[in-house]
Each structure stands twice: as structure tokens, then as C-alpha cells.
């Protein structure tokens, strides 16, 4: 099993209006051995919740000199590729080599898509058109394009990021496999089982070979989890946080969102690492932001230990009883 990188996503904590508190949290994450911070992106999710992924990434990259940031994922289907490419170029100037861009189509909240001026049924086609344009623009090409959704006339974005920004594809199903094989530097799984993760990775490898491309080297997964010394308390914290955001009962997520001690959550994640997930981001529900950072770091320590053994762990400990 290759070395695994472990990061954290805590949107509310890291976007605190107190810059000193933000720097303290980022310093704590770096000192704890976390490898990256992951940020999300929503324009208006389930009634107005949202956060601009690139603005958040810019804020965090400016607040810490070393920690990389993963945008997982940016809803490129809802943006114009020229504007997105310019923002990415500027970010790369200020923090070269520290940004990984995940892209996706959106869709959990159809109103978010339609209120952004996009017909929900077209979001996949828009991403398929926008992504190659962004990649060409970031490579410094002069682009003239007339497509279904976008028209560019001798468009160019300089300077080109150096090193190039890795672009990974988020999502599930055949479309995500196809996009990753054709255009991606990697794939970011979300709300998938370890078995599905392994299957998707194999499908991407096969599809890339059919296109004459080398298989992507970057594979990652984002996992919501509850972390506490009391598994019952961990589950309660996780259920409250997920239900508040998604407006769905936690039971719909329970098989894919573990709750328990750091060791229990690490055991849940071990099959993902064995399936080739080299980048794991945890979205923790904990008593505090500081507790979340410390607990995620502890999960990472267990995951990196080659002899992790936890004979007392069974699935009912990780998920709520049926």
C-alpha cells in the first residue's frame, strides 16, 4: 500500500472571520501532521448555504505558507471557463504547487443549478465543454472556440501556472469514469463504498488505456465521519451535522459515514487505502474544531501504521444499529 496523505475539511472553522483564529487552526493542522486542507464549493445549497471554493482556497493559502489546498469539488459546470481559468492562474501565482482542483457537475440541489442560470439537464455537457477549455487556457494556449455553451475568440490566460494545477474529477458512474480517463489527472470519490472505489479505479485505468492515455496517478476520497472517544457521542455529532446540511436523515448516509473513535474510523478507511486511495479527506463532526484536527490526525497515524489491527472492531461499532 502506497503512502497515504490525510487531510481535513471543516468549512466553518477555517472560514472564521477571526484571522488569528484561522491561522492558529491551520498551524495546528500542520503541526499535527495533516497533509492538506480540502474546501468545498456551493453557490446556494438547500436554501442558501454556500461557499465559493476558489475564494476559500485563496484565503487558506494566504493564511499558511506550506499547507496545500484541495478544492473538492468546484462546480465548474456553473461557471464560465474563462473566468475560472483566470482565477486559477492568479491562485497559482500566489501559491505555486499548492492547489489541486477537483471539478464536478453539481446536482444534489437542482435549484442551485437553475438559479445559477443553468438548465440542470445540461450540466454534464457544460462540464464536458468547459473542462478542456480551462485546461487549454491554463496551458497558455490561444483558444478560439464555438460550442454549445461557450464561445471564445483568441482567448488567452497568462501566466500559465507552474507547476501545472492537477485537475481531478469528482463524481460517480460512467460519466465520471469517462471524464477522468479523457481529461483528468485523477479521481475524487465521494459517498462511495471501498468496493465501489476499487471498481471505479479499475474502470478508469481500463478506459484510459483504450484512449491511449496513461492511467491517472491521483486517487482520493472524501469521507464524512463522527469522531469522539464515545462512539455514541460521535454518531450524535455526525447525525446532527449531516442532517443540518443535507436535510436528510443520517440513516441515508450511515453505511458511508462512520462514527466512532479514531481507531475505529481508521479501520473503516483501511479498505479505501488498500484499494488505492492515496488522498483521504475527512469531514469530521467533533466537539470543537481543535478536537476535529487532533482526531483526524490520529486517524492518519493509524492509517499509516502498516500493522493496524483492531480485532474489537465490527461494523455495528462504526455505524448506528439498524
Protein backbone atom coordinates (compact mmCIF):
# COMPACT_ATOMS: atom_id res chain seq x y z
CA UNK A 1 0.00 0.00 0.00
CA UNK A 2 1.44 3.36 -1.07
CA UNK A 3 1.96 6.21 1.36
CA UNK A 4 -1.34 7.89 2.13
CA UNK A 5 -1.99 11.60 2.55
CA UNK A 6 -4.65 12.61 5.05
CA UNK A 7 -6.38 15.96 5.20
CA UNK A 8 -9.35 17.66 6.78
CA UNK A 9 -12.34 19.66 5.60
CA UNK A 10 -14.00 21.96 8.13
CA UNK A 11 -15.53 24.80 6.15
CA UNK A 12 -17.00 26.73 9.05
CA UNK A 13 -13.91 26.57 11.25
CA UNK A 14 -11.37 27.56 8.61
CA UNK A 15 -13.50 30.42 7.29
CA UNK A 16 -13.89 32.06 10.69
CA UNK A 17 -13.88 35.88 10.43
CA UNK A 18 -11.08 35.95 13.01
CA UNK A 19 -7.82 35.74 11.02
CA UNK A 20 -5.76 34.90 14.10
CA UNK A 21 -8.05 32.00 14.94
CA UNK A 22 -7.81 30.79 11.35
CA UNK A 23 -4.01 30.87 11.44
CA UNK A 24 -3.99 29.02 14.77
CA UNK A 25 -6.16 26.26 13.33
CA UNK A 26 -4.02 25.94 10.22
CA UNK A 27 -0.84 25.89 12.30
CA UNK A 28 -2.39 23.19 14.47
CA UNK A 29 -3.28 21.13 11.41
CA UNK A 30 0.25 21.40 10.01
CA UNK A 31 1.86 20.62 13.37
CA UNK A 32 -0.42 17.57 13.76
CA UNK A 33 0.93 16.16 10.50
CA UNK A 34 -2.07 16.71 8.26
CA UNK A 35 -1.15 16.83 4.59
CA UNK A 36 -3.78 19.16 3.16
CA UNK A 37 -6.97 21.13 3.71
CA UNK A 38 -9.95 20.42 1.48
CA UNK A 39 -12.60 23.02 0.74
CA UNK A 40 -15.99 22.63 -0.88
CA UNK A 41 -17.93 24.79 -3.29
CA UNK A 42 -21.61 25.67 -3.42
CA UNK A 43 -23.35 28.73 -4.78
CA UNK A 44 -26.63 28.27 -2.89
CA UNK A 45 -27.17 24.84 -1.43
CA UNK A 46 -30.52 23.81 0.10
CA UNK A 47 -31.90 27.23 0.86
CA UNK A 48 -28.82 29.43 0.70
CA UNK A 49 -25.86 27.69 2.34
CA UNK A 50 -22.74 28.20 0.29
CA UNK A 51 -19.05 28.95 0.00
CA UNK A 52 -17.02 29.83 -3.05
CA UNK A 53 -14.34 27.18 -3.37
CA UNK A 54 -11.69 29.32 -5.04
CA UNK A 55 -12.14 32.26 -2.68
CA UNK A 56 -11.91 29.91 0.28
CA UNK A 57 -8.80 28.28 -1.19
CA UNK A 58 -7.24 31.71 -1.68
CA UNK A 59 -7.96 32.63 1.92
CA UNK A 60 -6.38 29.48 3.33
CA UNK A 61 -3.37 29.51 1.02
CA UNK A 62 -2.66 33.09 2.09
CA UNK A 63 -3.06 32.24 5.77
CA UNK A 64 -0.48 29.43 5.80
CA UNK A 65 2.81 29.17 3.94
CA UNK A 66 3.01 25.40 3.45
CA UNK A 67 -0.31 23.55 3.63
CA UNK A 68 -1.72 22.57 0.25
CA UNK A 69 -5.41 23.02 -0.51
CA UNK A 70 -7.69 20.67 -2.45
CA UNK A 71 -10.90 22.12 -3.91
CA UNK A 72 -13.20 19.14 -3.69
CA UNK A 73 -15.13 19.85 -5.77
CA UNK A 74 -15.54 23.08 -7.73
CA UNK A 75 -18.82 23.29 -9.61
CA UNK A 76 -17.24 24.20 -12.93
CA UNK A 77 -20.44 23.37 -14.78
CA UNK A 78 -21.96 26.51 -13.22
CA UNK A 79 -19.07 28.83 -14.19
CA UNK A 80 -17.64 30.36 -17.32
CA UNK A 81 -14.33 28.66 -18.21
CA UNK A 82 -12.54 31.94 -19.00
CA UNK A 83 -13.27 33.42 -15.58
CA UNK A 84 -12.43 30.16 -13.80
CA UNK A 85 -9.11 29.91 -15.64
CA UNK A 86 -8.17 33.48 -14.68
CA UNK A 87 -8.91 32.84 -11.00
CA UNK A 88 -6.87 29.65 -11.08
CA UNK A 89 -3.95 31.36 -12.78
CA UNK A 90 -3.92 34.06 -10.11
CA UNK A 91 -4.10 31.49 -7.33
CA UNK A 92 -1.19 29.61 -8.83
CA UNK A 93 0.87 32.81 -8.90
CA UNK A 94 0.39 33.38 -5.20
CA UNK A 95 0.73 29.75 -4.07
CA UNK A 96 2.52 27.75 -6.79
CA UNK A 97 2.26 24.00 -6.46
CA UNK A 98 -0.13 24.08 -3.51
CA UNK A 99 -3.53 23.80 -5.19
CA UNK A 100 -5.35 20.74 -6.51
CA UNK A 101 -8.59 21.42 -8.36
CA UNK A 102 -11.44 18.95 -8.20
CA UNK A 103 -14.31 19.60 -10.60
CA UNK A 104 -17.89 18.36 -10.64
CA UNK A 105 -21.30 18.91 -12.15
CA UNK A 106 -23.43 19.75 -9.08
CA UNK A 107 -26.91 18.34 -8.86
CA UNK A 108 -27.84 17.39 -5.30
CA UNK A 109 -29.88 20.61 -5.21
CA UNK A 110 -31.43 21.29 -8.62
CA UNK A 111 -32.44 24.81 -7.56
CA UNK A 112 -28.79 25.66 -7.03
CA UNK A 113 -28.17 24.78 -10.66
CA UNK A 114 -31.20 26.51 -12.17
CA UNK A 115 -30.77 29.64 -10.04
CA UNK A 116 -27.22 29.91 -11.40
CA UNK A 117 -28.74 30.22 -14.86
CA UNK A 118 -28.03 26.64 -15.92
CA UNK A 119 -30.62 24.15 -17.10
CA UNK A 120 -29.99 21.15 -14.80
CA UNK A 121 -30.21 18.64 -17.64
CA UNK A 122 -27.27 20.33 -19.40
CA UNK A 123 -24.79 20.46 -16.53
CA UNK A 124 -22.88 17.35 -17.64
CA UNK A 125 -22.49 18.66 -21.20
CA UNK A 126 -21.43 22.05 -19.89
CA UNK A 127 -18.69 20.45 -17.80
CA UNK A 128 -17.55 18.36 -20.77
CA UNK A 129 -17.20 21.56 -22.80
CA UNK A 130 -15.77 23.78 -20.07
CA UNK A 131 -13.09 21.47 -18.70
CA UNK A 132 -11.00 21.11 -21.89
CA UNK A 133 -11.21 24.87 -22.37
CA UNK A 134 -9.95 25.54 -18.85
CA UNK A 135 -7.08 23.09 -19.35
CA UNK A 136 -6.08 24.69 -22.65
CA UNK A 137 -6.28 28.19 -21.21
CA UNK A 138 -4.19 27.23 -18.19
CA UNK A 139 -1.61 25.76 -20.56
CA UNK A 140 -1.22 29.22 -22.10
CA UNK A 141 -2.84 28.36 -25.42
CA UNK A 142 -4.65 30.90 -27.52
CA UNK A 143 -8.16 29.45 -27.77
CA UNK A 144 -10.81 30.11 -30.37
CA UNK A 145 -13.90 28.03 -29.73
CA UNK A 146 -17.56 27.97 -30.76
CA UNK A 147 -19.52 25.40 -28.78
CA UNK A 148 -22.95 24.63 -27.44
CA UNK A 149 -22.49 26.79 -24.35
CA UNK A 150 -19.31 28.86 -24.72
CA UNK A 151 -17.71 31.00 -27.41
CA UNK A 152 -14.11 32.22 -27.20
CA UNK A 153 -12.26 34.35 -29.71
CA UNK A 154 -8.46 34.28 -29.47
CA UNK A 155 -8.77 33.90 -25.71
CA UNK A 156 -5.66 33.53 -23.64
CA UNK A 157 -4.77 33.39 -19.93
CA UNK A 158 -1.26 34.26 -18.80
CA UNK A 159 0.79 33.46 -16.86
CA UNK A 160 0.37 29.70 -17.06
CA UNK A 161 0.55 28.01 -13.66
CA UNK A 162 3.96 26.50 -12.99
CA UNK A 163 3.85 23.80 -11.89
CA UNK A 164 0.54 22.93 -13.55
CA UNK A 165 -2.53 22.65 -11.32
CA UNK A 166 -3.62 19.00 -11.04
CA UNK A 167 -7.25 18.60 -12.10
CA UNK A 168 -9.17 15.69 -10.59
CA UNK A 169 -12.70 14.66 -11.43
CA UNK A 170 -15.36 14.24 -8.79
CA UNK A 171 -18.48 12.17 -9.14
CA UNK A 172 -19.77 8.67 -9.66
CA UNK A 173 -20.80 6.48 -12.56
CA UNK A 174 -19.85 6.17 -16.20
CA UNK A 175 -19.61 9.91 -16.84
CA UNK A 176 -17.02 10.38 -14.08
CA UNK A 177 -15.03 7.41 -15.41
CA UNK A 178 -15.10 8.81 -18.93
CA UNK A 179 -14.10 12.34 -17.87
CA UNK A 180 -11.28 11.11 -15.67
CA UNK A 181 -9.90 8.80 -18.33
CA UNK A 182 -10.02 11.50 -21.01
CA UNK A 183 -9.24 14.72 -19.17
CA UNK A 184 -8.36 14.15 -15.53
CA UNK A 185 -5.16 13.86 -13.55
CA UNK A 186 -7.10 11.80 -11.02
CA UNK A 187 -10.44 10.93 -9.49
CA UNK A 188 -12.04 12.04 -6.24
CA UNK A 189 -14.68 9.73 -4.81
CA UNK A 190 -17.46 10.89 -2.53
CA UNK A 191 -20.21 8.88 -0.86
CA UNK A 192 -18.96 5.60 -2.23
CA UNK A 193 -18.03 2.29 -0.65
CA UNK A 194 -14.49 0.92 -0.74
CA UNK A 195 -15.68 -1.76 -3.14
CA UNK A 196 -17.15 0.84 -5.49
CA UNK A 197 -13.97 2.88 -5.16
CA UNK A 198 -11.85 -0.08 -6.29
CA UNK A 199 -14.21 -0.82 -9.18
CA UNK A 200 -14.18 2.78 -10.37
CA UNK A 201 -10.40 2.96 -10.23
CA UNK A 202 -10.15 -0.19 -12.34
CA UNK A 203 -12.67 1.19 -14.84
CA UNK A 204 -10.71 4.44 -15.15
CA UNK A 205 -7.48 2.54 -15.77
CA UNK A 206 -9.16 0.47 -18.48
CA UNK A 207 -10.83 3.49 -20.11
CA UNK A 208 -7.58 5.49 -20.14
CA UNK A 209 -5.76 2.60 -21.81
CA UNK A 210 -8.42 2.47 -24.52
CA UNK A 211 -7.77 6.17 -25.17
CA UNK A 212 -4.01 5.67 -25.26
CA UNK A 213 -3.51 7.67 -22.05
CA UNK A 214 -1.54 6.64 -19.02
CA UNK A 215 -3.75 5.81 -16.07
CA UNK A 216 -4.12 8.76 -13.65
CA UNK A 217 -1.89 8.55 -10.60
CA UNK A 218 -4.08 10.56 -8.19
CA UNK A 219 -6.98 8.84 -6.42
CA UNK A 220 -8.72 10.25 -3.40
CA UNK A 221 -11.87 10.04 -1.31
CA UNK A 222 -13.80 12.46 0.91
CA UNK A 223 -15.49 10.84 3.90
CA UNK A 224 -17.79 12.36 6.50
CA UNK A 225 -17.19 10.96 9.97
CA UNK A 226 -18.03 11.44 13.63
CA UNK A 227 -15.05 11.31 15.97
CA UNK A 228 -15.16 11.02 19.73
CA UNK A 229 -13.94 8.69 22.46
CA UNK A 230 -17.61 7.76 22.84
CA UNK A 231 -18.94 6.13 19.64
CA UNK A 232 -22.46 7.09 20.66
CA UNK A 233 -21.49 10.74 21.02
CA UNK A 234 -19.60 10.57 17.71
CA UNK A 235 -22.71 9.32 15.98
CA UNK A 236 -24.89 12.03 17.52
CA UNK A 237 -22.47 14.76 16.42
CA UNK A 238 -22.27 13.37 12.89
CA UNK A 239 -26.02 12.91 12.52
CA UNK A 240 -26.71 16.48 13.61
CA UNK A 241 -24.10 17.96 11.25
CA UNK A 242 -25.12 15.98 8.17
CA UNK A 243 -28.85 16.42 8.70
CA UNK A 244 -28.37 20.17 9.09
CA UNK A 245 -26.57 20.44 5.73
CA UNK A 246 -28.28 17.82 3.59
CA UNK A 247 -31.75 17.95 5.16
CA UNK A 248 -31.94 14.18 5.05
CA UNK A 249 -31.89 11.66 7.91
CA UNK A 250 -28.46 10.36 8.84
CA UNK A 251 -29.67 6.81 8.22
CA UNK A 252 -29.37 7.50 4.49
CA UNK A 253 -25.62 8.05 4.93
CA UNK A 254 -24.79 5.67 7.77
CA UNK A 255 -23.09 2.97 5.64
CA UNK A 256 -20.75 5.52 4.08
CA UNK A 257 -20.15 7.88 7.02
CA UNK A 258 -18.53 6.15 10.00
CA UNK A 259 -18.76 7.31 13.58
CA UNK A 260 -16.54 6.18 16.44
CA UNK A 261 -13.06 6.54 17.86
CA UNK A 262 -10.10 7.47 15.69
CA UNK A 263 -9.02 3.84 15.57
CA UNK A 264 -12.48 2.69 14.53
CA UNK A 265 -12.71 5.26 11.76
CA UNK A 266 -9.23 4.30 10.56
CA UNK A 267 -10.32 0.68 10.34
CA UNK A 268 -13.33 1.75 8.28
CA UNK A 269 -11.00 3.66 5.92
CA UNK A 270 -8.33 0.98 5.59
CA UNK A 271 -10.08 -0.77 2.64
CA UNK A 272 -10.07 2.53 0.72
CA UNK A 273 -6.31 2.81 1.19
CA UNK A 274 -5.88 -0.79 0.09
CA UNK A 275 -7.98 -0.01 -3.00
CA UNK A 276 -5.57 2.76 -3.98
CA UNK A 277 -6.88 5.91 -2.28
CA UNK A 278 -3.70 7.90 -1.79
CA UNK A 279 -5.50 11.04 -0.63
CA UNK A 280 -8.11 10.85 2.12
CA UNK A 281 -10.03 13.87 3.35
CA UNK A 282 -12.14 13.56 6.47
CA UNK A 283 -15.08 15.87 7.11
CA UNK A 284 -15.28 15.50 10.88
CA UNK A 285 -18.09 16.13 13.32
CA UNK A 286 -16.47 16.73 16.70
CA UNK A 287 -16.93 18.72 19.87
CA UNK A 288 -14.70 21.52 18.55
CA UNK A 289 -12.56 22.45 15.56
CA UNK A 290 -9.43 21.73 17.58
CA UNK A 291 -10.74 18.31 18.59
CA UNK A 292 -11.51 17.61 14.94
CA UNK A 293 -7.97 18.42 13.81
CA UNK A 294 -6.45 16.27 16.53
CA UNK A 295 -8.78 13.34 15.88
CA UNK A 296 -8.26 13.42 12.10
CA UNK A 297 -4.50 13.47 12.68
CA UNK A 298 -4.87 10.43 14.93
CA UNK A 299 -6.84 8.64 12.21
CA UNK A 300 -3.99 9.41 9.85
CA UNK A 301 -1.46 7.91 12.24
CA UNK A 302 -3.46 4.69 12.42
CA UNK A 303 -3.88 4.58 8.64
CA UNK A 304 -0.16 4.98 8.06
CA UNK A 305 0.70 2.20 10.51
CA UNK A 306 1.22 -0.94 8.40
CA UNK A 307 0.30 -3.25 11.26
CA UNK A 308 -3.03 -1.67 12.23
CA UNK A 309 -5.01 -4.39 13.94
CA UNK A 310 -8.34 -3.82 15.64
CA UNK A 311 -9.97 -7.17 16.39
CA UNK A 312 -12.62 -5.48 18.53
CA UNK A 313 -13.98 -3.51 15.58
CA UNK A 314 -17.17 -4.62 13.94
CA UNK A 315 -19.47 -2.78 11.57
CA UNK A 316 -22.08 -2.00 14.27
CA UNK A 317 -19.38 -0.02 16.12
CA UNK A 318 -18.83 2.18 13.07
CA UNK A 319 -22.42 2.74 12.11
CA UNK A 320 -25.60 3.09 14.02
CA UNK A 321 -27.51 -0.10 14.83
CA UNK A 322 -30.13 -0.94 12.24
